[in-house]
């Protein structure tokens, strides 16, 4: 009878263990990819909200003091899943000043509310 030489190779158990380790690593990678995507989406929404708030702030600050005080003192707008509100507070913080508040609110994918606020103070007689 002829004897078989001992072959150096991987057993079935070793291959299965390697596959399990690889699968665990891939599951972790998928989880990290999903977390990264959630972070990117949140950043995108915050950037859009900041842009909407800044646009309204610049629009209002480009107006004259008398136009700001004599016009609408508050407003609300719906913009692509965001709600932008603004208000002009004459006489704050001094008699010849006004404070302008702009806020943008939105809901994330999980239904949690978020809000971004900007504020500026303007005095009478100044030109932006």
Protein backbone atom coordinates (compact mmCIF):
# COMPACT_ATOMS: atom_id res chain seq x y z
CA UNK A 1 0.00 0.00 0.00
CA UNK A 2 1.18 3.43 -0.92
CA UNK A 3 1.26 6.11 1.76
CA UNK A 4 -0.04 9.59 0.97
CA UNK A 5 2.21 12.47 1.73
CA UNK A 6 0.97 14.99 4.30
CA UNK A 7 -0.38 17.94 2.36
CA UNK A 8 0.07 21.46 3.67
CA UNK A 9 -3.21 23.28 3.18
CA UNK A 10 -6.18 24.76 4.94
CA UNK A 11 -8.76 22.64 6.59
CA UNK A 12 -12.45 23.31 6.25
CA UNK A 13 -12.58 24.62 9.84
CA UNK A 14 -9.85 27.18 9.16
CA UNK A 15 -11.65 28.41 6.05
CA UNK A 16 -14.94 28.78 7.97
CA UNK A 17 -13.21 30.71 10.78
CA UNK A 18 -11.66 33.07 8.23
CA UNK A 19 -15.01 33.61 6.55
CA UNK A 20 -16.66 34.43 9.91
CA UNK A 21 -13.92 36.96 10.74
CA UNK A 22 -14.27 38.54 7.29
CA UNK A 23 -18.07 38.73 7.65
CA UNK A 24 -17.78 40.47 11.04
CA UNK A 25 -15.38 43.01 9.51
CA UNK A 26 -17.71 43.65 6.58
CA UNK A 27 -20.69 44.18 8.88
CA UNK A 28 -18.65 46.77 10.80
CA UNK A 29 -17.71 48.46 7.53
CA UNK A 30 -21.34 48.64 6.43
CA UNK A 31 -22.28 50.18 9.78
CA UNK A 32 -19.56 52.80 9.43
CA UNK A 33 -20.70 53.60 5.89
CA UNK A 34 -24.26 54.14 7.11
CA UNK A 35 -23.05 56.36 9.97
CA UNK A 36 -20.96 58.38 7.52
CA UNK A 37 -23.91 58.81 5.19
CA UNK A 38 -26.08 60.02 8.09
CA UNK A 39 -23.39 62.55 9.02
CA UNK A 40 -23.13 63.78 5.44
CA UNK A 41 -26.90 64.21 5.23
CA UNK A 42 -26.97 66.15 8.52
CA UNK A 43 -24.16 68.40 7.30
CA UNK A 44 -25.97 69.00 4.03
CA UNK A 45 -29.14 70.03 5.89
CA UNK A 46 -27.25 72.34 8.26
CA UNK A 47 -25.48 74.00 5.32
CA UNK A 48 -28.78 74.53 3.49
CA UNK A 49 -30.39 75.98 6.64
CA UNK A 50 -27.44 78.33 7.16
CA UNK A 51 -27.71 79.48 3.54
CA UNK A 52 -31.44 80.17 3.86
CA UNK A 53 -30.91 82.11 7.10
CA UNK A 54 -27.99 84.11 5.70
CA UNK A 55 -29.92 85.02 2.54
CA UNK A 56 -32.80 86.48 4.56
CA UNK A 57 -30.40 88.26 6.91
CA UNK A 58 -28.57 89.88 3.99
CA UNK A 59 -31.86 90.82 2.34
CA UNK A 60 -33.07 92.59 5.48
CA UNK A 61 -29.75 94.23 6.33
CA UNK A 62 -29.49 95.70 2.83
CA UNK A 63 -32.66 97.72 3.51
CA UNK A 64 -32.57 101.16 5.09
CA UNK A 65 -33.30 101.54 8.78
CA UNK A 66 -36.58 103.34 8.13
CA UNK A 67 -37.70 100.65 5.65
CA UNK A 68 -36.98 97.95 8.22
CA UNK A 69 -38.89 99.72 11.00
CA UNK A 70 -41.73 100.84 8.71
CA UNK A 71 -42.22 97.50 6.95
CA UNK A 72 -43.34 94.09 8.12
CA UNK A 73 -41.82 93.30 11.48
CA UNK A 74 -42.12 89.52 11.19
CA UNK A 75 -42.64 86.80 8.64
CA UNK A 76 -42.65 83.07 7.99
CA UNK A 77 -41.80 81.11 4.83
CA UNK A 78 -41.73 77.42 3.87
CA UNK A 79 -38.67 76.49 1.80
CA UNK A 80 -38.00 72.94 0.54
CA UNK A 81 -38.60 71.20 3.88
CA UNK A 82 -37.35 74.13 5.95
CA UNK A 83 -39.38 76.81 7.76
CA UNK A 84 -37.74 80.23 7.87
CA UNK A 85 -39.01 82.85 10.31
CA UNK A 86 -37.74 86.36 10.90
CA UNK A 87 -38.58 89.29 13.13
CA UNK A 88 -37.46 92.90 13.50
CA UNK A 89 -37.41 94.24 17.07
CA UNK A 90 -37.22 98.08 17.02
CA UNK A 91 -35.78 99.77 20.09
CA UNK A 92 -33.63 96.79 21.02
CA UNK A 93 -30.99 97.05 22.56
CA UNK A 94 -31.17 100.89 22.49
CA UNK A 95 -33.68 103.55 21.38
CA UNK A 96 -32.14 104.06 17.92
CA UNK A 97 -31.31 100.43 17.26
CA UNK A 98 -33.12 97.35 16.06
CA UNK A 99 -32.43 93.67 16.37
CA UNK A 100 -33.08 91.30 13.50
CA UNK A 101 -33.63 87.60 14.24
CA UNK A 102 -33.73 84.94 11.52
CA UNK A 103 -34.41 81.28 12.37
CA UNK A 104 -34.61 78.21 10.16
CA UNK A 105 -36.22 75.02 11.48
CA UNK A 106 -36.35 71.52 9.97
CA UNK A 107 -36.87 67.87 10.89
CA UNK A 108 -34.24 65.22 10.29
CA UNK A 109 -34.94 61.74 8.91
CA UNK A 110 -35.65 60.39 12.40
CA UNK A 111 -38.22 63.13 13.08
CA UNK A 112 -36.07 65.12 15.50
CA UNK A 113 -36.51 68.90 15.19
CA UNK A 114 -33.52 71.17 14.54
CA UNK A 115 -33.25 74.96 14.58
CA UNK A 116 -30.57 77.39 13.43
CA UNK A 117 -30.74 81.04 14.57
CA UNK A 118 -28.96 84.18 13.43
CA UNK A 119 -29.21 87.63 15.00
CA UNK A 120 -27.89 91.07 14.07
CA UNK A 121 -28.13 94.53 15.61
CA UNK A 122 -28.50 97.59 13.41
CA UNK A 123 -28.44 101.22 14.47
CA UNK A 124 -30.22 104.13 12.80
CA UNK A 125 -28.20 106.03 10.26
CA UNK A 126 -25.72 103.29 9.36
CA UNK A 127 -25.38 101.93 5.87
CA UNK A 128 -24.34 98.29 5.43
